[in-house]
Amino acid sequence: MRRQNLAVVLGAVRVHSPLSRADVAGHVGLTRAAVSSLVDELIGRGALTEAPATASGRVGRPGRALAVSEQGPAGLGLEIGVTHLGACVVDLRGEPRVRRRVERANAGRPAGRVLAEVAALAAEAEAEAAALGLRVEGRVLAVPGVVPNGPGGLVERAPNLGWHGVRLADHWPDPDTVPEPENEANLGALAECWSAEPAVETLVHVSAGAGIGAALVIDGRLFRGARGFAGELGHVPIQPDGVECACGARGCLEQYAGEAAVLREAALAPHGGAAGASPAPAGDPIVLLAERAAAGHPPTLAALDRAGRALGLALASAVELIDPDGLVLGGAYAELADWLLPSVRAELAARVTVRPWAPEALRPSALGRRGPLLGAALTTVRRIMTDPTLLPAG
């Protein structure tokens, strides 16, 4: 009960601060004495701060303003992308305080080498956070791959990296700082839920990078499936006898709406190797696609329309099966939403016919490609907000 009450008080201050102790008691329905004891404990654990007394304009003694601490506990998010590494430290208010990104071509590189570089980046981010008075309480790593349920820190497979059966502890230099791996699409979805106003309880979050990932949030909780493999939307077949996929199946969504497929259809070669395609200029291919679409480049517009129709076909099945409150286009899809949304919505309107469906229920993520890294950092913060006793007592 005390753990729950600590979380209630901490949550009230986070949402409504600045508050006095008396104000908190009014918000949470506990006695002032009980609230005062809980506040003292939260201050001792570094979760709250209390400013000097200030006049509130009300009769009685001036209150002392409580706020969630800008220093002390924090979460570290890490990310391995196909083309980059990232780190982010977020304080208990949910504010990013440290950000680092390094461009790296990670596909096909040895997992040990990649993880050693991520560990070095993590150490740099933690040192910078410490200089700001922040103390990392948990570490989560976003990976573009399948992470099975249960402990062990195993990445079952990450095909776009070329990883199979990689256990983080086998490669991480410091056994005390091994992060918890999680699928990047899952973390992007959680960041979206935690950042949305008002909160969305049930949604499908689909994102694209080198591959296509999806995550299901049902009643505010991430649905991982029986073994942690839920959300492989990129390998849902939309044309059973279609193009062969790298996974060994045919007609997978990735072959029609993935980054490489869109670049190919836009007459741009991701690596300069597609027949009849002009080499893509150096730089971010998603930014390039957005620039060409904005300029009215016909092959690019046609490629994005085709991708949107394929995506809408796959999402229609998800809508009928799950009945979500919303669909969110995250990752690279968010940056291409202006050109994807019309065809996705057209497919949904044509195929979702047995239940109510509003076009505005499909929207782009405000976080875009920042979602997975932010979600990784916020995972620790959310755990602390739910159970402040995870923090060491002062």
Protein backbone atom coordinates (compact mmCIF):
# COMPACT_ATOMS: atom_id res chain seq x y z
CA MET A 1 0.00 0.00 0.00
CA ARG A 2 2.81 2.42 0.82
CA ARG A 3 4.48 1.72 -2.50
CA GLN A 4 1.23 2.52 -4.29
CA ASN A 5 0.75 5.70 -2.29
CA LEU A 6 4.29 6.82 -3.07
CA ALA A 7 3.52 6.39 -6.76
CA VAL A 8 0.25 8.31 -6.43
CA VAL A 9 1.94 11.24 -4.71
CA LEU A 10 4.85 11.30 -7.16
CA GLY A 11 2.43 11.16 -10.09
CA ALA A 12 0.33 14.01 -8.72
CA VAL A 13 3.36 16.24 -8.34
CA ARG A 14 4.60 15.36 -11.81
CA VAL A 15 1.27 16.23 -13.43
CA HIS A 16 0.23 19.24 -11.35
CA SER A 17 3.43 20.77 -9.96
CA PRO A 18 4.26 23.04 -8.34
CA LEU A 19 2.19 21.86 -5.38
CA SER A 20 2.45 22.26 -1.64
CA ARG A 21 2.04 19.27 0.64
CA ALA A 22 -1.46 20.46 1.45
CA ASP A 23 -2.22 20.71 -2.27
CA VAL A 24 -1.01 17.14 -2.80
CA ALA A 25 -3.28 15.91 -0.01
CA GLY A 26 -6.22 17.55 -1.75
CA HIS A 27 -5.34 15.94 -5.07
CA VAL A 28 -4.79 12.39 -3.85
CA GLY A 29 -7.31 12.16 -1.02
CA LEU A 30 -4.86 11.25 1.75
CA THR A 31 -4.38 13.01 5.08
CA ARG A 32 -1.82 15.76 5.31
CA ALA A 33 0.16 13.70 7.81
CA ALA A 34 0.27 10.72 5.46
CA VAL A 35 1.25 12.91 2.51
CA SER A 36 3.98 14.61 4.53
CA SER A 37 5.51 11.21 5.39
CA LEU A 38 5.35 10.07 1.77
CA VAL A 39 6.84 13.34 0.51
CA ASP A 40 9.73 13.05 2.98
CA GLU A 41 10.49 9.57 1.66
CA LEU A 42 10.33 10.69 -1.97
CA ILE A 43 12.69 13.57 -1.20
CA GLY A 44 15.03 11.14 0.51
CA ARG A 45 15.00 8.89 -2.56
CA GLY A 46 15.82 11.86 -4.79
CA ALA A 47 12.52 11.86 -6.66
CA LEU A 48 11.14 15.17 -5.35
CA THR A 49 12.53 18.55 -4.37
CA GLU A 50 10.94 21.12 -2.12
CA ALA A 51 11.52 24.82 -2.65
CA PRO A 52 11.60 27.44 0.11
CA ALA A 53 8.23 28.62 1.40
CA THR A 54 6.34 31.07 -0.80
CA ALA A 55 3.11 32.93 -0.27
CA SER A 56 0.18 31.37 -2.10
CA GLY A 57 -2.37 34.12 -1.59
CA ARG A 58 -4.41 31.88 0.68
CA VAL A 59 -5.01 32.20 4.39
CA GLY A 60 -2.50 30.26 6.48
CA ARG A 61 1.17 29.45 6.44
CA PRO A 62 2.99 29.82 3.11
CA GLY A 63 3.42 26.54 1.23
CA ARG A 64 6.67 25.03 0.02
CA ALA A 65 6.50 24.09 -3.66
CA LEU A 66 7.14 20.46 -4.51
CA ALA A 67 8.46 19.44 -7.91
CA VAL A 68 9.87 16.34 -9.55
CA SER A 69 13.63 16.48 -9.27
CA GLU A 70 15.68 17.81 -12.17
CA GLN A 71 18.66 15.96 -10.77
CA GLY A 72 19.13 12.53 -9.25
CA PRO A 73 17.39 9.52 -10.86
CA ALA A 74 17.39 9.19 -14.64
CA GLY A 75 16.97 6.63 -17.41
CA LEU A 76 19.50 5.85 -20.12
CA GLY A 77 18.22 4.87 -23.55
CA LEU A 78 20.50 3.34 -26.17
CA GLU A 79 19.83 2.52 -29.80
CA ILE A 80 21.43 0.41 -32.49
CA GLY A 81 20.17 1.32 -35.94
CA VAL A 82 21.30 0.00 -39.28
CA THR A 83 23.04 3.32 -39.95
CA HIS A 84 23.65 4.81 -36.50
CA LEU A 85 24.16 4.43 -32.76
CA GLY A 86 22.39 6.61 -30.22
CA ALA A 87 22.21 7.43 -26.52
CA CYS A 88 19.80 9.56 -24.52
CA VAL A 89 19.45 10.33 -20.80
CA VAL A 90 16.02 11.42 -19.53
CA ASP A 91 15.30 12.78 -16.05
CA LEU A 92 12.26 11.93 -13.93
CA ARG A 93 10.30 14.78 -15.50
CA GLY A 94 10.64 13.01 -18.84
CA GLU A 95 13.00 15.68 -20.16
CA PRO A 96 15.92 14.58 -22.37
CA ARG A 97 19.08 16.01 -20.84
CA VAL A 98 21.80 14.24 -22.83
CA ARG A 99 21.70 13.21 -26.48
CA ARG A 100 24.40 11.53 -28.53
CA ARG A 101 24.34 10.07 -32.02
CA VAL A 102 27.10 8.49 -34.09
CA GLU A 103 26.66 7.54 -37.73
CA ARG A 104 27.70 3.92 -38.30
CA ALA A 105 27.01 1.40 -41.06
CA ASN A 106 26.15 -1.48 -38.71
CA ALA A 107 24.72 -4.01 -41.14
CA GLY A 108 26.96 -7.07 -41.26
CA ARG A 109 29.41 -5.82 -38.64
CA PRO A 110 30.34 -8.23 -35.83
CA ALA A 111 27.89 -7.89 -32.94
CA GLY A 112 30.75 -7.66 -30.44
CA ARG A 113 32.27 -4.66 -32.18
CA VAL A 114 28.94 -2.85 -32.45
CA LEU A 115 28.09 -3.50 -28.80
CA ALA A 116 31.53 -2.33 -27.67
CA GLU A 117 30.94 0.97 -29.45
CA VAL A 118 27.47 1.30 -27.92
CA ALA A 119 28.95 0.64 -24.48
CA ALA A 120 31.53 3.38 -25.04
CA LEU A 121 28.77 5.77 -26.14
CA ALA A 122 26.74 4.83 -23.07
CA ALA A 123 29.69 5.55 -20.79
CA GLU A 124 30.14 8.99 -22.38
CA ALA A 125 26.42 9.77 -21.96
CA GLU A 126 26.46 8.66 -18.31
CA ALA A 127 29.51 10.80 -17.60
CA GLU A 128 27.83 13.83 -19.14
CA ALA A 129 24.66 13.08 -17.15
CA ALA A 130 26.65 12.80 -13.93
CA ALA A 131 28.10 16.24 -14.55
CA LEU A 132 24.50 17.51 -14.62
CA GLY A 133 23.75 15.85 -11.30
CA LEU A 134 21.88 12.91 -12.82
CA ARG A 135 22.23 9.29 -11.72
CA VAL A 136 21.32 6.57 -14.23
CA GLU A 137 19.04 4.00 -12.59
CA GLY A 138 18.37 1.78 -15.59
CA ARG A 139 19.52 1.12 -19.14
CA VAL A 140 17.43 -0.07 -22.10
CA LEU A 141 18.71 -0.77 -25.63
CA ALA A 142 16.50 -0.40 -28.71
CA VAL A 143 17.35 -2.92 -31.42
CA PRO A 144 15.81 -3.56 -34.86
CA GLY A 145 15.14 -7.20 -34.09
CA VAL A 146 13.22 -9.82 -32.16
CA VAL A 147 13.72 -9.94 -28.40
CA PRO A 148 12.08 -12.99 -26.78
CA ASN A 149 10.15 -12.77 -23.53
CA GLY A 150 11.98 -13.41 -20.31
CA PRO A 151 15.36 -12.51 -18.81
CA GLY A 152 18.68 -13.15 -20.44
CA GLY A 153 19.30 -10.13 -22.66
CA LEU A 154 18.95 -12.14 -25.87
CA VAL A 155 18.42 -10.70 -29.34
CA GLU A 156 16.99 -13.71 -31.15
CA ARG A 157 17.48 -12.25 -34.58
CA ALA A 158 18.02 -8.85 -36.16
CA PRO A 159 18.09 -9.60 -39.90
CA ASN A 160 18.94 -6.08 -41.02
CA LEU A 161 22.02 -6.18 -38.79
CA GLY A 162 22.85 -9.79 -39.62
CA TRP A 163 22.49 -10.87 -35.98
CA HIS A 164 21.29 -14.28 -34.78
CA GLY A 165 21.21 -15.38 -31.17
CA VAL A 166 23.23 -12.47 -29.73
CA ARG A 167 23.32 -12.30 -25.92
CA LEU A 168 24.34 -8.82 -24.78
CA ALA A 169 26.18 -9.97 -21.66
CA ASP A 170 28.57 -11.99 -23.83
CA HIS A 171 29.86 -8.80 -25.48
CA TRP A 172 29.27 -5.97 -23.00
CA PRO A 173 32.52 -4.84 -21.33
CA ASP A 174 31.01 -4.03 -17.92
CA PRO A 175 28.72 -6.71 -16.44
CA ASP A 176 27.19 -4.14 -14.08
CA THR A 177 25.89 -1.91 -16.90
CA VAL A 178 24.48 -4.43 -19.41
CA PRO A 179 21.29 -2.88 -20.83
CA GLU A 180 17.97 -4.59 -21.27
CA PRO A 181 17.26 -5.11 -25.00
CA GLU A 182 13.87 -4.34 -26.49
CA ASN A 183 12.50 -4.18 -30.01
CA GLU A 184 12.70 -0.66 -31.42
CA ALA A 185 9.11 -0.67 -32.70
CA ASN A 186 7.85 -1.59 -29.23
CA LEU A 187 9.77 1.26 -27.66
CA GLY A 188 8.53 3.71 -30.29
CA ALA A 189 4.96 2.71 -29.51
CA LEU A 190 5.46 3.10 -25.77
CA ALA A 191 7.02 6.54 -26.24
CA GLU A 192 4.01 7.50 -28.34
CA CYS A 193 1.56 6.34 -25.65
CA TRP A 194 3.46 8.05 -22.86
CA SER A 195 3.76 11.32 -24.81
CA ALA A 196 0.24 11.50 -26.27
CA GLU A 197 -2.32 13.95 -24.91
CA PRO A 198 -4.83 12.61 -24.20
CA ALA A 199 -3.33 9.16 -23.67
CA VAL A 200 -4.29 6.45 -26.17
CA GLU A 201 -5.02 3.11 -24.54
CA THR A 202 -5.18 0.79 -27.56
CA LEU A 203 -3.20 1.45 -30.71
CA VAL A 204 -1.16 -0.08 -33.49
CA HIS A 205 2.14 1.72 -34.06
CA VAL A 206 3.87 0.92 -37.33
CA SER A 207 7.31 2.25 -38.18
CA ALA A 208 9.81 1.92 -40.96
CA GLY A 209 13.55 2.09 -41.30
CA ALA A 210 15.53 -0.57 -43.08
CA GLY A 211 12.62 -2.87 -42.19
CA ILE A 212 9.03 -2.50 -41.05
CA GLY A 213 8.05 -3.07 -37.46
CA ALA A 214 4.77 -2.77 -35.61
CA ALA A 215 3.80 -2.74 -31.97
CA LEU A 216 0.47 -3.35 -30.28
CA VAL A 217 -0.53 -1.48 -27.15
CA ILE A 218 -3.71 -2.90 -25.64
CA ASP A 219 -5.35 -1.26 -22.61
CA GLY A 220 -2.18 0.75 -22.07
CA ARG A 221 0.10 -2.28 -22.02
CA LEU A 222 2.52 -3.52 -24.65
CA PHE A 223 1.36 -6.80 -26.16
CA ARG A 224 4.44 -8.91 -26.83
CA GLY A 225 2.81 -12.22 -27.72
CA ALA A 226 3.42 -15.65 -26.21
CA ARG A 227 7.17 -15.57 -26.96
CA GLY A 228 7.81 -11.88 -27.60
CA PHE A 229 7.52 -12.06 -31.39
CA ALA A 230 4.35 -9.99 -31.84
CA GLY A 231 4.42 -7.10 -34.29
CA GLU A 232 6.25 -8.53 -37.32
CA LEU A 233 4.00 -6.59 -39.70
CA GLY A 234 6.77 -6.30 -42.25
CA HIS A 235 6.51 -10.03 -42.90
CA VAL A 236 2.74 -10.19 -43.20
CA PRO A 237 2.04 -11.39 -46.78
CA ILE A 238 -0.02 -8.99 -48.86
CA GLN A 239 0.58 -10.86 -52.13
CA PRO A 240 0.97 -14.61 -51.47
CA ASP A 241 2.74 -15.22 -54.78
CA GLY A 242 4.59 -11.91 -54.79
CA VAL A 243 8.21 -10.83 -54.57
CA GLU A 244 10.53 -13.13 -52.63
CA CYS A 245 11.58 -11.67 -49.29
CA ALA A 246 14.91 -12.06 -47.48
CA CYS A 247 13.03 -13.97 -44.77
CA GLY A 248 12.32 -16.75 -47.29
CA ALA A 249 8.61 -16.06 -47.78
CA ARG A 250 6.92 -14.30 -50.69
CA GLY A 251 4.83 -11.17 -50.88
CA CYS A 252 5.84 -9.69 -47.51
CA LEU A 253 4.84 -6.10 -46.82
CA GLU A 254 8.49 -5.03 -46.62
CA GLN A 255 8.90 -5.84 -50.31
CA TYR A 256 6.26 -3.23 -51.18
CA ALA A 257 6.41 -0.60 -48.43
CA GLY A 258 9.92 -0.90 -46.98
CA GLU A 259 12.61 1.72 -47.48
CA ALA A 260 14.51 -0.26 -50.12
CA ALA A 261 11.31 -0.99 -52.05
CA VAL A 262 10.26 2.67 -52.09
CA LEU A 263 13.71 3.81 -53.21
CA ARG A 264 13.68 1.20 -55.96
CA GLU A 265 10.25 2.23 -57.21
CA ALA A 266 11.27 5.88 -57.03
CA ALA A 267 14.08 5.06 -59.49
CA LEU A 268 16.72 5.57 -56.83
CA ALA A 269 19.19 2.84 -55.95
CA PRO A 270 19.84 2.58 -52.20
CA HIS A 271 23.36 1.37 -52.89
CA GLY A 272 23.64 2.28 -56.54
CA GLY A 273 22.91 -1.23 -57.69
CA ALA A 274 19.34 -1.42 -59.01
CA ALA A 275 18.97 -1.78 -62.74
CA GLY A 276 17.62 1.36 -64.39
CA ALA A 277 17.92 3.41 -61.23
CA SER A 278 20.06 6.46 -60.71
CA PRO A 279 22.38 6.33 -57.72
CA ALA A 280 20.92 8.09 -54.70
CA PRO A 281 22.94 11.11 -53.60
CA ALA A 282 24.79 10.74 -50.32
CA GLY A 283 22.73 11.54 -47.27
CA ASP A 284 19.55 10.45 -45.56
CA PRO A 285 17.37 8.54 -48.06
CA ILE A 286 14.15 9.43 -46.20
CA VAL A 287 14.97 13.13 -46.35
CA LEU A 288 15.75 12.67 -50.05
CA LEU A 289 12.40 10.99 -50.69
CA ALA A 290 10.55 13.76 -48.83
CA GLU A 291 12.38 16.45 -50.81
CA ARG A 292 11.62 14.79 -54.14
CA ALA A 293 8.00 14.17 -53.21
CA ALA A 294 7.60 17.81 -52.17
CA ALA A 295 9.06 18.84 -55.54
CA GLY A 296 6.48 16.70 -57.34
CA HIS A 297 8.91 14.06 -58.66
CA PRO A 298 6.55 11.61 -60.44
CA PRO A 299 8.41 8.32 -59.74
CA THR A 300 8.73 9.24 -56.06
CA LEU A 301 5.05 10.14 -55.75
CA ALA A 302 4.07 6.90 -57.47
CA ALA A 303 6.37 4.88 -55.20
CA LEU A 304 4.90 6.44 -52.06
CA ASP A 305 1.36 5.90 -53.30
CA ARG A 306 2.14 2.23 -53.95
CA ALA A 307 3.72 1.88 -50.51
CA GLY A 308 0.74 3.54 -48.88
CA ARG A 309 -1.69 1.17 -50.57
CA ALA A 310 0.34 -1.85 -49.47
CA LEU A 311 0.56 -0.51 -45.93
CA GLY A 312 -3.16 0.21 -45.85
CA LEU A 313 -3.90 -3.35 -46.94
CA ALA A 314 -1.85 -4.77 -44.05
CA LEU A 315 -3.23 -2.32 -41.51
CA ALA A 316 -6.83 -3.05 -42.48
CA SER A 317 -6.37 -6.59 -41.23
CA ALA A 318 -4.89 -5.28 -37.98
CA VAL A 319 -7.84 -2.94 -37.47
CA GLU A 320 -10.38 -5.71 -38.01
CA LEU A 321 -8.51 -8.06 -35.68
CA ILE A 322 -7.64 -5.70 -32.79
CA ASP A 323 -10.18 -2.84 -32.97
CA PRO A 324 -7.66 -0.16 -31.90
CA ASP A 325 -8.41 3.43 -30.91
CA GLY A 326 -5.81 4.58 -33.37
CA LEU A 327 -3.11 3.78 -35.89
CA VAL A 328 0.17 5.68 -35.69
CA LEU A 329 2.76 5.96 -38.46
CA GLY A 330 6.14 6.25 -36.76
CA GLY A 331 9.78 6.16 -37.72
CA ALA A 332 10.49 7.13 -41.31
CA TYR A 333 6.78 6.82 -42.14
CA ALA A 334 6.07 9.89 -40.00
CA GLU A 335 8.36 12.00 -42.19
CA LEU A 336 6.66 10.72 -45.35
CA ALA A 337 3.12 10.91 -43.96
CA ASP A 338 1.96 13.73 -46.23
CA TRP A 339 2.27 11.39 -49.21
CA LEU A 340 1.45 8.07 -47.54
CA LEU A 341 -1.68 9.01 -45.62
CA PRO A 342 -4.05 9.53 -48.58
CA SER A 343 -3.49 6.04 -50.02
CA VAL A 344 -3.42 4.34 -46.60
CA ARG A 345 -6.71 6.01 -45.68
CA ALA A 346 -8.24 5.04 -49.01
CA GLU A 347 -7.39 1.38 -48.42
CA LEU A 348 -8.73 1.48 -44.87
CA ALA A 349 -11.97 3.11 -46.02
CA ALA A 350 -12.44 0.43 -48.67
CA ARG A 351 -11.60 -2.54 -46.46
CA VAL A 352 -12.66 -1.69 -42.89
CA THR A 353 -16.39 -2.09 -43.37
CA VAL A 354 -17.72 -4.09 -40.40
CA ARG A 355 -16.85 -1.63 -37.65
CA PRO A 356 -16.79 2.16 -37.26
CA TRP A 357 -13.56 3.72 -38.47
CA ALA A 358 -12.71 7.42 -38.63
CA PRO A 359 -9.98 8.66 -41.00
CA GLU A 360 -8.48 10.84 -38.23
CA ALA A 361 -7.76 7.71 -36.19
CA LEU A 362 -4.75 7.26 -38.48
CA ARG A 363 -2.08 9.86 -37.78
CA PRO A 364 1.68 10.38 -37.98
CA SER A 365 3.79 10.24 -34.84
CA ALA A 366 5.03 13.55 -33.51
CA LEU A 367 8.19 11.73 -32.39
CA GLY A 368 9.12 10.20 -35.74
CA ARG A 369 12.49 8.49 -35.73
CA ARG A 370 13.25 9.79 -32.22
CA GLY A 371 10.62 7.48 -30.72
CA PRO A 372 12.61 4.27 -30.04
CA LEU A 373 15.52 6.00 -28.31
CA LEU A 374 13.21 8.18 -26.23
CA GLY A 375 11.08 5.15 -25.37
CA ALA A 376 14.18 3.28 -24.23
CA ALA A 377 15.14 6.08 -21.84
CA LEU A 378 11.58 6.59 -20.61
CA THR A 379 11.16 2.90 -19.75
CA THR A 380 13.23 3.35 -16.61
CA VAL A 381 11.46 6.59 -15.72
CA ARG A 382 8.05 4.94 -16.05
CA ARG A 383 9.12 2.07 -13.83
CA ILE A 384 10.27 4.48 -11.14
CA MET A 385 7.05 6.49 -11.38
CA THR A 386 5.10 3.25 -10.89
CA ASP A 387 7.30 2.01 -8.05
CA PRO A 388 9.46 4.70 -6.39
CA THR A 389 10.86 2.10 -3.98
CA LEU A 390 13.10 1.00 -6.85
CA LEU A 391 15.18 4.06 -5.91
CA PRO A 392 17.66 3.70 -3.06
CA ALA A 393 16.47 5.23 0.19
CA GLY A 394 18.28 8.38 1.30
